[in-house]
Amino acid sequence: MKKDVDIAVLIMAAGASRRMEGIKQLMPWKSSNFLLETIKTVQNTNAKSLHVVLGSNVEFITTQCSLKEKNIDIIVNSNWKNGLGDSIAHGVKVLLKQRPTLDGILICLADQPLLSFEYLNLLIEEIIKHPSKIIATNYNKKVGVPALFPKLLFKELSVLKGDFGAKEILNNKSNAIIPLDAADQIADVDTNLEYQNLLNRTNNTLNS
């Protein structure tokens, strides 16, 4: 069994978050914002590298988060309006040119602020034991991201289209998937109301 795997993380942050008043990636959270806190979480994992896929408001987000000063690898998808699937495909293609020997790609979203680095490490630990399977997050009767994809699915990731992200791969019954339970670490934050509910639910973690 291979004990050390080369895993890269793609943090998807290219969308315009039209349902939220403001730029979702920059919504205040803890000591900074959603995107920066997600970056901090990923930096604490056993992944070998992290890459942020940006599109809408790319210059503003890059500047506000000082991403270049922090030496964060930025992948820009100029076709971000084509949807999350297109942004994932673009990110994967750029990533594989840089890192052709990768064992797996972990796809995360910038708007799941409750996820811990310990949970993401569990995904990585599972792919060490099951290198040909997708390790995904359990959402009751379906699975979703964060999800760690093995090398044999890189080609499928690189041709995704539309706004359904990696759902077509995750919903394909022929793909072997191991679902992990993230328990109370999953939160959808697509609107201002959901954002306020999150702050209330976490006793205003923002102020911690």
N, C-alpha and C. Protein backbone atom coordinates (compact mmCIF):
# COMPACT_ATOMS: atom_id res chain seq x y z
N MET A 1 0.84 -1.21 0.00
CA MET A 1 0.00 0.00 0.00
C MET A 1 0.88 1.26 0.00
N LYS A 2 0.58 2.14 -0.90
CA LYS A 2 1.33 3.40 -0.99
C LYS A 2 0.94 4.31 0.17
N LYS A 3 1.93 4.75 0.94
CA LYS A 3 1.63 5.55 2.13
C LYS A 3 1.68 7.05 1.87
N ASP A 4 2.36 7.42 0.81
CA ASP A 4 2.49 8.85 0.52
C ASP A 4 1.90 9.12 -0.87
N VAL A 5 0.87 9.95 -0.91
CA VAL A 5 0.22 10.23 -2.19
C VAL A 5 0.37 11.71 -2.53
N ASP A 6 0.47 11.97 -3.82
CA ASP A 6 0.60 13.34 -4.31
C ASP A 6 -0.80 13.86 -4.65
N ILE A 7 -1.34 14.63 -3.73
CA ILE A 7 -2.69 15.17 -3.89
C ILE A 7 -2.64 16.68 -4.05
N ALA A 8 -3.35 17.18 -5.05
CA ALA A 8 -3.49 18.63 -5.25
C ALA A 8 -4.94 19.01 -4.94
N VAL A 9 -5.12 20.18 -4.38
CA VAL A 9 -6.47 20.66 -4.06
C VAL A 9 -6.82 21.82 -4.99
N LEU A 10 -7.99 21.71 -5.60
CA LEU A 10 -8.55 22.82 -6.38
C LEU A 10 -9.66 23.46 -5.56
N ILE A 11 -9.47 24.71 -5.16
CA ILE A 11 -10.52 25.45 -4.46
C ILE A 11 -11.29 26.23 -5.52
N MET A 12 -12.56 25.88 -5.70
CA MET A 12 -13.36 26.50 -6.74
C MET A 12 -13.97 27.80 -6.22
N ALA A 13 -13.56 28.91 -6.83
CA ALA A 13 -14.02 30.22 -6.38
C ALA A 13 -14.23 31.16 -7.57
N ALA A 14 -14.70 30.60 -8.68
CA ALA A 14 -14.79 31.38 -9.92
C ALA A 14 -16.14 32.02 -10.17
N GLY A 15 -17.18 31.58 -9.46
CA GLY A 15 -18.53 32.04 -9.76
C GLY A 15 -18.82 33.46 -9.31
N ALA A 16 -19.95 33.98 -9.81
CA ALA A 16 -20.34 35.36 -9.52
C ALA A 16 -21.26 35.47 -8.30
N SER A 17 -21.70 34.33 -7.76
CA SER A 17 -22.59 34.29 -6.59
C SER A 17 -23.73 35.30 -6.72
N ARG A 18 -24.48 35.17 -7.79
CA ARG A 18 -25.53 36.15 -8.11
C ARG A 18 -26.66 36.17 -7.08
N ARG A 19 -26.86 35.08 -6.37
CA ARG A 19 -27.95 35.03 -5.39
C ARG A 19 -27.60 35.72 -4.07
N MET A 20 -26.37 36.15 -3.96
CA MET A 20 -25.94 36.81 -2.72
C MET A 20 -25.61 38.27 -3.00
N GLU A 21 -25.99 39.14 -2.10
CA GLU A 21 -25.67 40.56 -2.23
C GLU A 21 -24.24 40.77 -1.78
N GLY A 22 -23.36 40.83 -2.73
CA GLY A 22 -21.94 40.94 -2.41
C GLY A 22 -21.18 39.79 -3.03
N ILE A 23 -19.87 39.82 -2.88
CA ILE A 23 -19.02 38.78 -3.44
C ILE A 23 -18.85 37.68 -2.40
N LYS A 24 -19.43 36.51 -2.68
CA LYS A 24 -19.49 35.44 -1.68
C LYS A 24 -18.10 35.04 -1.18
N GLN A 25 -17.13 35.01 -2.08
CA GLN A 25 -15.80 34.58 -1.68
C GLN A 25 -15.21 35.49 -0.59
N LEU A 26 -15.71 36.74 -0.53
CA LEU A 26 -15.16 37.72 0.40
C LEU A 26 -16.06 37.98 1.61
N MET A 27 -17.11 37.17 1.77
CA MET A 27 -17.99 37.37 2.92
C MET A 27 -17.19 37.17 4.20
N PRO A 28 -17.34 38.09 5.17
CA PRO A 28 -16.56 37.99 6.41
C PRO A 28 -16.79 36.66 7.12
N TRP A 29 -15.69 36.06 7.57
CA TRP A 29 -15.77 34.80 8.30
C TRP A 29 -14.53 34.67 9.18
N LYS A 30 -14.76 34.40 10.45
CA LYS A 30 -13.66 34.32 11.42
C LYS A 30 -12.82 35.59 11.32
N SER A 31 -11.52 35.45 11.11
CA SER A 31 -10.67 36.64 11.10
C SER A 31 -10.47 37.22 9.71
N SER A 32 -11.10 36.60 8.69
CA SER A 32 -10.91 37.13 7.34
C SER A 32 -12.18 36.95 6.50
N ASN A 33 -12.18 35.99 5.57
CA ASN A 33 -13.35 35.77 4.72
C ASN A 33 -13.41 34.31 4.28
N PHE A 34 -14.49 33.98 3.57
CA PHE A 34 -14.70 32.58 3.17
C PHE A 34 -13.49 32.00 2.43
N LEU A 35 -13.00 32.72 1.43
CA LEU A 35 -11.92 32.17 0.61
C LEU A 35 -10.64 31.98 1.42
N LEU A 36 -10.25 33.00 2.16
CA LEU A 36 -9.00 32.90 2.91
C LEU A 36 -9.06 31.84 3.99
N GLU A 37 -10.22 31.69 4.63
CA GLU A 37 -10.35 30.65 5.66
C GLU A 37 -10.32 29.26 5.03
N THR A 38 -10.88 29.13 3.82
CA THR A 38 -10.80 27.85 3.11
C THR A 38 -9.35 27.54 2.76
N ILE A 39 -8.63 28.55 2.31
CA ILE A 39 -7.21 28.37 2.00
C ILE A 39 -6.44 27.92 3.24
N LYS A 40 -6.70 28.57 4.37
CA LYS A 40 -6.02 28.18 5.63
C LYS A 40 -6.31 26.73 5.98
N THR A 41 -7.58 26.33 5.82
CA THR A 41 -7.96 24.95 6.13
C THR A 41 -7.19 23.97 5.26
N VAL A 42 -7.15 24.25 3.96
CA VAL A 42 -6.46 23.34 3.03
C VAL A 42 -4.96 23.31 3.31
N GLN A 43 -4.39 24.44 3.68
CA GLN A 43 -2.95 24.49 3.96
C GLN A 43 -2.56 23.61 5.14
N ASN A 44 -3.51 23.30 5.99
CA ASN A 44 -3.24 22.45 7.15
C ASN A 44 -3.42 20.96 6.87
N THR A 45 -3.82 20.63 5.65
CA THR A 45 -4.03 19.22 5.30
C THR A 45 -2.73 18.58 4.82
N ASN A 46 -2.82 17.30 4.48
CA ASN A 46 -1.66 16.57 3.97
C ASN A 46 -1.55 16.64 2.44
N ALA A 47 -2.34 17.50 1.83
CA ALA A 47 -2.23 17.68 0.37
C ALA A 47 -0.89 18.34 0.05
N LYS A 48 -0.37 18.03 -1.13
CA LYS A 48 0.95 18.53 -1.51
C LYS A 48 0.89 19.95 -2.08
N SER A 49 -0.28 20.34 -2.62
CA SER A 49 -0.36 21.69 -3.19
C SER A 49 -1.82 22.14 -3.23
N LEU A 50 -2.01 23.46 -3.25
CA LEU A 50 -3.37 24.00 -3.41
C LEU A 50 -3.38 25.05 -4.50
N HIS A 51 -4.50 25.12 -5.18
CA HIS A 51 -4.65 26.01 -6.33
C HIS A 51 -6.05 26.59 -6.29
N VAL A 52 -6.17 27.89 -6.47
CA VAL A 52 -7.47 28.57 -6.40
C VAL A 52 -7.92 28.93 -7.82
N VAL A 53 -9.10 28.46 -8.19
CA VAL A 53 -9.65 28.77 -9.51
C VAL A 53 -10.56 29.98 -9.38
N LEU A 54 -10.18 31.06 -10.04
CA LEU A 54 -10.94 32.31 -10.01
C LEU A 54 -11.49 32.63 -11.40
N GLY A 55 -12.50 33.50 -11.42
CA GLY A 55 -13.10 33.92 -12.69
C GLY A 55 -13.73 35.28 -12.53
N SER A 56 -14.96 35.32 -11.99
CA SER A 56 -15.64 36.58 -11.74
C SER A 56 -14.89 37.38 -10.67
N ASN A 57 -14.76 38.68 -10.89
CA ASN A 57 -14.11 39.57 -9.93
C ASN A 57 -12.69 39.14 -9.59
N VAL A 58 -12.01 38.55 -10.56
CA VAL A 58 -10.70 37.96 -10.27
C VAL A 58 -9.70 38.97 -9.71
N GLU A 59 -9.61 40.14 -10.30
CA GLU A 59 -8.62 41.13 -9.85
C GLU A 59 -8.95 41.62 -8.45
N PHE A 60 -10.24 41.89 -8.20
CA PHE A 60 -10.66 42.42 -6.91
C PHE A 60 -10.41 41.38 -5.81
N ILE A 61 -10.79 40.14 -6.07
CA ILE A 61 -10.60 39.08 -5.08
C ILE A 61 -9.11 38.86 -4.81
N THR A 62 -8.32 38.82 -5.88
CA THR A 62 -6.87 38.62 -5.73
C THR A 62 -6.25 39.71 -4.87
N THR A 63 -6.68 40.95 -5.11
CA THR A 63 -6.14 42.08 -4.35
C THR A 63 -6.62 42.08 -2.91
N GLN A 64 -7.93 41.89 -2.71
CA GLN A 64 -8.50 41.92 -1.36
C GLN A 64 -7.92 40.82 -0.48
N CYS A 65 -7.60 39.69 -1.07
CA CYS A 65 -7.07 38.56 -0.30
C CYS A 65 -5.54 38.49 -0.33
N SER A 66 -4.92 39.43 -1.04
CA SER A 66 -3.45 39.46 -1.16
C SER A 66 -2.90 38.09 -1.58
N LEU A 67 -3.56 37.47 -2.55
CA LEU A 67 -3.20 36.11 -2.93
C LEU A 67 -1.80 36.02 -3.54
N LYS A 68 -1.42 37.01 -4.33
CA LYS A 68 -0.08 36.98 -4.93
C LYS A 68 0.99 37.14 -3.87
N GLU A 69 0.73 38.02 -2.90
CA GLU A 69 1.69 38.22 -1.82
C GLU A 69 1.83 36.97 -0.96
N LYS A 70 0.75 36.19 -0.88
CA LYS A 70 0.77 34.95 -0.10
C LYS A 70 1.27 33.77 -0.92
N ASN A 71 1.69 34.04 -2.16
CA ASN A 71 2.20 32.99 -3.05
C ASN A 71 1.19 31.86 -3.29
N ILE A 72 -0.09 32.23 -3.37
CA ILE A 72 -1.14 31.26 -3.67
C ILE A 72 -1.22 31.09 -5.19
N ASP A 73 -1.20 29.86 -5.64
CA ASP A 73 -1.30 29.60 -7.08
C ASP A 73 -2.72 29.88 -7.56
N ILE A 74 -2.85 30.78 -8.50
CA ILE A 74 -4.15 31.19 -9.03
C ILE A 74 -4.31 30.67 -10.45
N ILE A 75 -5.43 30.01 -10.69
CA ILE A 75 -5.79 29.58 -12.04
C ILE A 75 -7.01 30.38 -12.46
N VAL A 76 -6.91 31.14 -13.52
CA VAL A 76 -8.01 32.01 -13.96
C VAL A 76 -8.76 31.36 -15.11
N ASN A 77 -10.07 31.20 -14.93
CA ASN A 77 -10.92 30.70 -16.01
C ASN A 77 -11.69 31.87 -16.61
N SER A 78 -11.26 32.31 -17.77
CA SER A 78 -11.93 33.44 -18.42
C SER A 78 -13.34 33.08 -18.89
N ASN A 79 -13.63 31.78 -18.97
CA ASN A 79 -14.96 31.33 -19.37
C ASN A 79 -15.79 30.89 -18.18
N TRP A 80 -15.60 31.51 -17.03
CA TRP A 80 -16.28 31.12 -15.81
C TRP A 80 -17.80 31.19 -15.94
N LYS A 81 -18.30 32.03 -16.84
CA LYS A 81 -19.75 32.14 -17.02
C LYS A 81 -20.36 30.85 -17.55
N ASN A 82 -19.54 29.97 -18.09
CA ASN A 82 -20.04 28.69 -18.60
C ASN A 82 -20.37 27.70 -17.48
N GLY A 83 -20.07 28.07 -16.24
CA GLY A 83 -20.49 27.24 -15.12
C GLY A 83 -19.36 26.54 -14.39
N LEU A 84 -19.73 25.94 -13.26
CA LEU A 84 -18.76 25.28 -12.40
C LEU A 84 -18.03 24.14 -13.10
N GLY A 85 -18.77 23.38 -13.91
CA GLY A 85 -18.13 22.28 -14.63
C GLY A 85 -17.00 22.76 -15.52
N ASP A 86 -17.22 23.85 -16.22
CA ASP A 86 -16.20 24.42 -17.09
C ASP A 86 -14.99 24.86 -16.28
N SER A 87 -15.25 25.46 -15.11
CA SER A 87 -14.14 25.93 -14.26
C SER A 87 -13.34 24.76 -13.70
N ILE A 88 -14.03 23.68 -13.34
CA ILE A 88 -13.31 22.49 -12.87
C ILE A 88 -12.44 21.93 -13.99
N ALA A 89 -13.02 21.81 -15.19
CA ALA A 89 -12.28 21.27 -16.33
C ALA A 89 -11.05 22.11 -16.63
N HIS A 90 -11.22 23.43 -16.61
CA HIS A 90 -10.09 24.32 -16.89
C HIS A 90 -9.02 24.16 -15.82
N GLY A 91 -9.44 24.13 -14.56
CA GLY A 91 -8.49 23.99 -13.47
C GLY A 91 -7.71 22.69 -13.56
N VAL A 92 -8.40 21.61 -13.88
CA VAL A 92 -7.75 20.30 -13.99
C VAL A 92 -6.74 20.29 -15.13
N LYS A 93 -7.10 20.86 -16.27
CA LYS A 93 -6.19 20.87 -17.42
C LYS A 93 -4.92 21.66 -17.11
N VAL A 94 -5.08 22.83 -16.48
CA VAL A 94 -3.91 23.63 -16.10
C VAL A 94 -3.06 22.89 -15.08
N LEU A 95 -3.72 22.30 -14.12
CA LEU A 95 -3.03 21.58 -13.05
C LEU A 95 -2.22 20.41 -13.59
N LEU A 96 -2.78 19.65 -14.52
CA LEU A 96 -2.09 18.47 -15.03
C LEU A 96 -0.89 18.84 -15.90
N LYS A 97 -0.90 20.03 -16.47
CA LYS A 97 0.28 20.49 -17.19
C LYS A 97 1.42 20.76 -16.21
N GLN A 98 1.06 21.27 -15.03
CA GLN A 98 2.06 21.57 -14.01
C GLN A 98 2.50 20.32 -13.26
N ARG A 99 1.54 19.42 -13.01
CA ARG A 99 1.78 18.28 -12.12
C ARG A 99 1.27 16.98 -12.76
N PRO A 100 1.88 16.51 -13.82
CA PRO A 100 1.36 15.34 -14.54
C PRO A 100 1.42 14.03 -13.75
N THR A 101 2.15 14.00 -12.65
CA THR A 101 2.29 12.75 -11.88
C THR A 101 1.35 12.68 -10.68
N LEU A 102 0.37 13.55 -10.63
CA LEU A 102 -0.56 13.57 -9.50
C LEU A 102 -1.27 12.23 -9.30
N ASP A 103 -1.51 11.89 -8.04
CA ASP A 103 -2.28 10.69 -7.72
C ASP A 103 -3.77 11.00 -7.57
N GLY A 104 -4.09 12.23 -7.18
CA GLY A 104 -5.49 12.58 -6.97
C GLY A 104 -5.70 14.09 -6.93
N ILE A 105 -6.92 14.50 -7.25
CA ILE A 105 -7.29 15.92 -7.20
C ILE A 105 -8.50 16.05 -6.27
N LEU A 106 -8.33 16.85 -5.23
CA LEU A 106 -9.39 17.10 -4.27
C LEU A 106 -10.08 18.41 -4.63
N ILE A 107 -11.36 18.33 -4.93
CA ILE A 107 -12.12 19.52 -5.32
C ILE A 107 -12.93 20.02 -4.12
N CYS A 108 -12.67 21.28 -3.77
CA CYS A 108 -13.38 21.93 -2.66
C CYS A 108 -14.06 23.20 -3.18
N LEU A 109 -15.03 23.67 -2.43
CA LEU A 109 -15.68 24.94 -2.74
C LEU A 109 -15.24 25.98 -1.72
N ALA A 110 -15.31 27.23 -2.13
CA ALA A 110 -14.90 28.32 -1.23
C ALA A 110 -16.01 28.74 -0.28
N ASP A 111 -17.18 28.09 -0.39
CA ASP A 111 -18.32 28.52 0.44
C ASP A 111 -18.81 27.41 1.37
N GLN A 112 -17.87 26.60 1.85
CA GLN A 112 -18.19 25.57 2.85
C GLN A 112 -17.29 25.81 4.06
N PRO A 113 -17.53 26.91 4.76
CA PRO A 113 -16.58 27.39 5.78
C PRO A 113 -16.48 26.53 7.04
N LEU A 114 -17.38 25.57 7.23
CA LEU A 114 -17.34 24.76 8.44
C LEU A 114 -16.43 23.54 8.31
N LEU A 115 -15.99 23.25 7.10
CA LEU A 115 -15.16 22.07 6.88
C LEU A 115 -13.81 22.21 7.59
N SER A 116 -13.38 21.13 8.21
CA SER A 116 -12.11 21.14 8.94
C SER A 116 -11.02 20.45 8.13
N PHE A 117 -9.78 20.76 8.45
CA PHE A 117 -8.68 20.10 7.76
C PHE A 117 -8.63 18.62 8.14
N GLU A 118 -9.12 18.29 9.33
CA GLU A 118 -9.15 16.89 9.74
C GLU A 118 -10.06 16.08 8.82
N TYR A 119 -11.21 16.67 8.45
CA TYR A 119 -12.13 15.95 7.55
C TYR A 119 -11.49 15.77 6.17
N LEU A 120 -10.86 16.81 5.66
CA LEU A 120 -10.22 16.71 4.35
C LEU A 120 -9.10 15.67 4.38
N ASN A 121 -8.41 15.58 5.51
CA ASN A 121 -7.37 14.55 5.64
C ASN A 121 -7.96 13.14 5.61
N LEU A 122 -9.18 12.99 6.11
CA LEU A 122 -9.84 11.68 6.05
C LEU A 122 -10.04 11.25 4.60
N LEU A 123 -10.40 12.21 3.74
CA LEU A 123 -10.56 11.90 2.31
C LEU A 123 -9.24 11.40 1.73
N ILE A 124 -8.16 12.10 2.10
CA ILE A 124 -6.83 11.73 1.59
C ILE A 124 -6.41 10.35 2.11
N GLU A 125 -6.70 10.08 3.39
CA GLU A 125 -6.36 8.78 3.96
C GLU A 125 -7.10 7.65 3.25
N GLU A 126 -8.34 7.91 2.85
CA GLU A 126 -9.13 6.87 2.17
C GLU A 126 -8.58 6.57 0.79
N ILE A 127 -8.09 7.59 0.10
CA ILE A 127 -7.61 7.30 -1.26
C ILE A 127 -6.28 6.56 -1.21
N ILE A 128 -5.56 6.65 -0.11
CA ILE A 128 -4.35 5.84 0.05
C ILE A 128 -4.75 4.36 0.09
N LYS A 129 -5.87 4.06 0.76
CA LYS A 129 -6.35 2.68 0.86
C LYS A 129 -7.09 2.23 -0.40
N HIS A 130 -7.70 3.19 -1.10
CA HIS A 130 -8.52 2.86 -2.28
C HIS A 130 -8.15 3.80 -3.43
N PRO A 131 -6.97 3.60 -4.04
CA PRO A 131 -6.44 4.55 -5.02
C PRO A 131 -7.21 4.67 -6.33
N SER A 132 -8.16 3.77 -6.58
CA SER A 132 -8.90 3.85 -7.85
C SER A 132 -10.34 4.33 -7.64
N LYS A 133 -10.69 4.69 -6.40
CA LYS A 133 -12.06 5.08 -6.11
C LYS A 133 -12.19 6.57 -5.82
N ILE A 134 -13.40 7.09 -6.06
CA ILE A 134 -13.71 8.48 -5.69
C ILE A 134 -14.04 8.48 -4.19
N ILE A 135 -13.44 9.41 -3.47
CA ILE A 135 -13.77 9.57 -2.06
C ILE A 135 -14.58 10.86 -1.96
N ALA A 136 -15.87 10.75 -1.68
CA ALA A 136 -16.77 11.91 -1.74
C ALA A 136 -17.49 12.12 -0.42
N THR A 137 -18.16 13.26 -0.33
CA THR A 137 -18.89 13.61 0.89
C THR A 137 -20.34 13.19 0.77
N ASN A 138 -20.83 12.57 1.81
CA ASN A 138 -22.19 12.04 1.83
C ASN A 138 -23.21 13.14 2.12
N TYR A 139 -24.21 13.26 1.23
CA TYR A 139 -25.33 14.18 1.43
C TYR A 139 -26.61 13.36 1.43
N ASN A 140 -26.85 12.65 2.52
CA ASN A 140 -28.00 11.76 2.61
C ASN A 140 -28.00 10.73 1.48
N LYS A 141 -28.86 10.91 0.47
CA LYS A 141 -28.97 9.89 -0.58
C LYS A 141 -28.08 10.19 -1.79
N LYS A 142 -27.26 11.20 -1.72
CA LYS A 142 -26.36 11.52 -2.82
C LYS A 142 -24.99 11.88 -2.26
N VAL A 143 -24.03 12.05 -3.16
CA VAL A 143 -22.69 12.45 -2.74
C VAL A 143 -22.29 13.72 -3.47
N GLY A 144 -21.34 14.45 -2.88
CA GLY A 144 -20.91 15.71 -3.49
C GLY A 144 -19.52 16.09 -3.02
N VAL A 145 -19.20 17.35 -3.19
CA VAL A 145 -17.89 17.85 -2.80
C VAL A 145 -17.92 18.34 -1.35
N PRO A 146 -16.77 18.34 -0.70
CA PRO A 146 -15.45 17.97 -1.19
C PRO A 146 -15.40 16.52 -1.65
N ALA A 147 -14.73 16.33 -2.77
CA ALA A 147 -14.57 14.99 -3.32
C ALA A 147 -13.17 14.86 -3.89
N LEU A 148 -12.58 13.69 -3.64
CA LEU A 148 -11.22 13.43 -4.10
C LEU A 148 -11.27 12.42 -5.24
N PHE A 149 -10.76 12.86 -6.40
CA PHE A 149 -10.84 12.04 -7.61
C PHE A 149 -9.49 11.40 -7.93
N PRO A 150 -9.51 10.10 -8.24
CA PRO A 150 -8.27 9.40 -8.57
C PRO A 150 -7.80 9.69 -9.99
N LYS A 151 -6.58 9.31 -10.25
CA LYS A 151 -5.95 9.57 -11.55
C LYS A 151 -6.79 9.07 -12.72
N LEU A 152 -7.43 7.92 -12.58
CA LEU A 152 -8.15 7.34 -13.72
C LEU A 152 -9.35 8.17 -14.16
N LEU A 153 -9.74 9.17 -13.37
CA LEU A 153 -10.87 10.03 -13.74
C LEU A 153 -10.45 11.44 -14.14
N PHE A 154 -9.16 11.69 -14.22
CA PHE A 154 -8.69 13.02 -14.57
C PHE A 154 -9.21 13.46 -15.94
N LYS A 155 -9.23 12.53 -16.90
CA LYS A 155 -9.69 12.88 -18.25
C LYS A 155 -11.15 13.30 -18.21
N GLU A 156 -11.97 12.58 -17.45
CA GLU A 156 -13.39 12.94 -17.35
C GLU A 156 -13.56 14.31 -16.70
N LEU A 157 -12.75 14.60 -15.70
CA LEU A 157 -12.82 15.92 -15.06
C LEU A 157 -12.46 17.03 -16.04
N SER A 158 -11.52 16.75 -16.92
CA SER A 158 -11.00 17.79 -17.82
C SER A 158 -11.95 18.13 -18.97
N VAL A 159 -13.05 17.38 -19.10
CA VAL A 159 -13.99 17.67 -20.18
C VAL A 159 -15.38 18.02 -19.64
N LEU A 160 -15.47 18.31 -18.35
CA LEU A 160 -16.75 18.71 -17.78
C LEU A 160 -17.23 20.01 -18.39
N LYS A 161 -18.55 20.17 -18.46
CA LYS A 161 -19.14 21.39 -18.99
C LYS A 161 -20.34 21.78 -18.13
N GLY A 162 -20.85 22.98 -18.38
CA GLY A 162 -22.08 23.41 -17.72
C GLY A 162 -21.92 23.77 -16.26
N ASP A 163 -23.07 23.88 -15.59
CA ASP A 163 -23.07 24.40 -14.23
C ASP A 163 -23.38 23.32 -13.19
N PHE A 164 -23.14 22.06 -13.54
CA PHE A 164 -23.43 20.99 -12.58
C PHE A 164 -22.18 20.44 -11.92
N GLY A 165 -21.08 21.16 -12.07
CA GLY A 165 -19.85 20.72 -11.42
C GLY A 165 -19.47 19.33 -11.82
N ALA A 166 -19.13 18.52 -10.84
CA ALA A 166 -18.71 17.14 -11.10
C ALA A 166 -19.84 16.15 -10.85
N LYS A 167 -21.08 16.65 -10.82
CA LYS A 167 -22.21 15.78 -10.49
C LYS A 167 -22.37 14.61 -11.45
N GLU A 168 -22.10 14.85 -12.75
CA GLU A 168 -22.30 13.76 -13.71
C GLU A 168 -21.33 12.60 -13.44
N ILE A 169 -20.14 12.93 -12.93
CA ILE A 169 -19.19 11.87 -12.58
C ILE A 169 -19.62 11.21 -11.27
N LEU A 170 -20.04 12.01 -10.30
CA LEU A 170 -20.43 11.48 -9.00
C LEU A 170 -21.73 10.67 -9.09
N ASN A 171 -22.58 10.99 -10.07
CA ASN A 171 -23.85 10.28 -10.22
C ASN A 171 -23.76 9.08 -11.15
N ASN A 172 -22.59 8.88 -11.74
CA ASN A 172 -22.39 7.76 -12.66
C ASN A 172 -22.24 6.46 -11.85
N LYS A 173 -23.21 5.59 -11.98
CA LYS A 173 -23.24 4.37 -11.18
C LYS A 173 -22.05 3.45 -11.45
N SER A 174 -21.40 3.65 -12.58
CA SER A 174 -20.27 2.77 -12.91
C SER A 174 -19.00 3.18 -12.18
N ASN A 175 -19.00 4.38 -11.59
CA ASN A 175 -17.83 4.84 -10.84
C ASN A 175 -17.90 4.35 -9.39
N ALA A 176 -16.81 3.78 -8.91
CA ALA A 176 -16.76 3.29 -7.53
C ALA A 176 -16.54 4.48 -6.59
N ILE A 177 -17.47 4.66 -5.66
CA ILE A 177 -17.41 5.82 -4.77
C ILE A 177 -17.48 5.37 -3.31
N ILE A 178 -16.62 5.94 -2.50
CA ILE A 178 -16.69 5.74 -1.06
C ILE A 178 -17.19 7.03 -0.44
N PRO A 179 -18.38 7.03 0.16
CA PRO A 179 -18.91 8.25 0.78
C PRO A 179 -18.45 8.39 2.23
N LEU A 180 -18.05 9.58 2.60
CA LEU A 180 -17.69 9.88 3.98
C LEU A 180 -18.68 10.89 4.55
N ASP A 181 -18.93 10.79 5.82
CA ASP A 181 -19.90 11.65 6.48
C ASP A 181 -19.20 12.84 7.13
N ALA A 182 -19.55 14.04 6.68
CA ALA A 182 -18.96 15.26 7.25
C ALA A 182 -19.78 15.80 8.41
N ALA A 183 -20.87 15.09 8.73
CA ALA A 183 -21.73 15.46 9.87
C ALA A 183 -22.18 16.91 9.78
N ASP A 184 -21.91 17.69 10.82
CA ASP A 184 -22.41 19.07 10.86
C ASP A 184 -21.47 20.07 10.21
N GLN A 185 -20.51 19.58 9.42
CA GLN A 185 -19.56 20.49 8.76
C GLN A 185 -20.05 20.99 7.40
N ILE A 186 -21.21 20.52 6.98
CA ILE A 186 -21.72 20.94 5.68
C ILE A 186 -22.72 22.08 5.85
N ALA A 187 -22.50 23.14 5.10
CA ALA A 187 -23.43 24.28 5.12
C ALA A 187 -23.46 24.90 3.73
N ASP A 188 -24.66 25.06 3.18
CA ASP A 188 -24.82 25.74 1.89
C ASP A 188 -25.03 27.22 2.16
N VAL A 189 -24.21 28.03 1.54
CA VAL A 189 -24.32 29.48 1.74
C VAL A 189 -24.42 30.15 0.37
N ASP A 190 -25.65 30.24 -0.13
CA ASP A 190 -25.87 30.82 -1.45
C ASP A 190 -26.59 32.15 -1.41
N THR A 191 -27.20 32.48 -0.26
CA THR A 191 -27.96 33.73 -0.13
C THR A 191 -27.56 34.42 1.16
N ASN A 192 -27.95 35.69 1.26
CA ASN A 192 -27.66 36.45 2.48
C ASN A 192 -28.36 35.86 3.69
N LEU A 193 -29.58 35.32 3.47
CA LEU A 193 -30.30 34.70 4.57
C LEU A 193 -29.56 33.47 5.08
N GLU A 194 -29.05 32.65 4.16
CA GLU A 194 -28.29 31.48 4.57
C GLU A 194 -27.01 31.87 5.29
N TYR A 195 -26.42 32.97 4.86
CA TYR A 195 -25.21 33.49 5.53
C TYR A 195 -25.53 33.91 6.96
N GLN A 196 -26.63 34.65 7.13
CA GLN A 196 -27.03 35.07 8.47
C GLN A 196 -27.38 33.87 9.34
N ASN A 197 -28.06 32.88 8.76
CA ASN A 197 -28.39 31.67 9.50
C ASN A 197 -27.13 30.94 9.95
N LEU A 198 -26.11 30.95 9.09
CA LEU A 198 -24.84 30.32 9.44
C LEU A 198 -24.19 31.03 10.62
N LEU A 199 -24.20 32.35 10.58
CA LEU A 199 -23.62 33.11 11.69
C LEU A 199 -24.36 32.83 12.99
N ASN A 200 -25.69 32.75 12.91
CA ASN A 200 -26.49 32.46 14.10
C ASN A 200 -26.23 31.04 14.61
N ARG A 201 -26.16 30.12 13.66
CA ARG A 201 -25.95 28.70 14.01
C ARG A 201 -24.61 28.49 14.71
N THR A 202 -23.62 29.26 14.32
CA THR A 202 -22.29 29.09 14.88
C THR A 202 -22.00 30.10 15.99
N ASN A 203 -23.08 30.72 16.49
CA ASN A 203 -22.92 31.73 17.54
C ASN A 203 -21.97 32.83 17.13
N ASN A 204 -22.17 33.26 15.88
CA ASN A 204 -21.34 34.34 15.34
C ASN A 204 -19.86 34.01 15.42
N THR A 205 -19.50 32.89 14.82
CA THR A 205 -18.09 32.51 14.72
C THR A 205 -17.25 33.66 14.19
N LEU A 206 -17.91 34.51 13.43
CA LEU A 206 -17.27 35.69 12.86
C LEU A 206 -16.51 36.49 13.92
N ASN A 207 -17.06 36.50 15.13
CA ASN A 207 -16.47 37.32 16.18
C ASN A 207 -15.46 36.56 17.03
N SER A 208 -15.22 35.31 16.69
CA SER A 208 -14.31 34.53 17.53
C SER A 208 -12.84 34.83 17.21
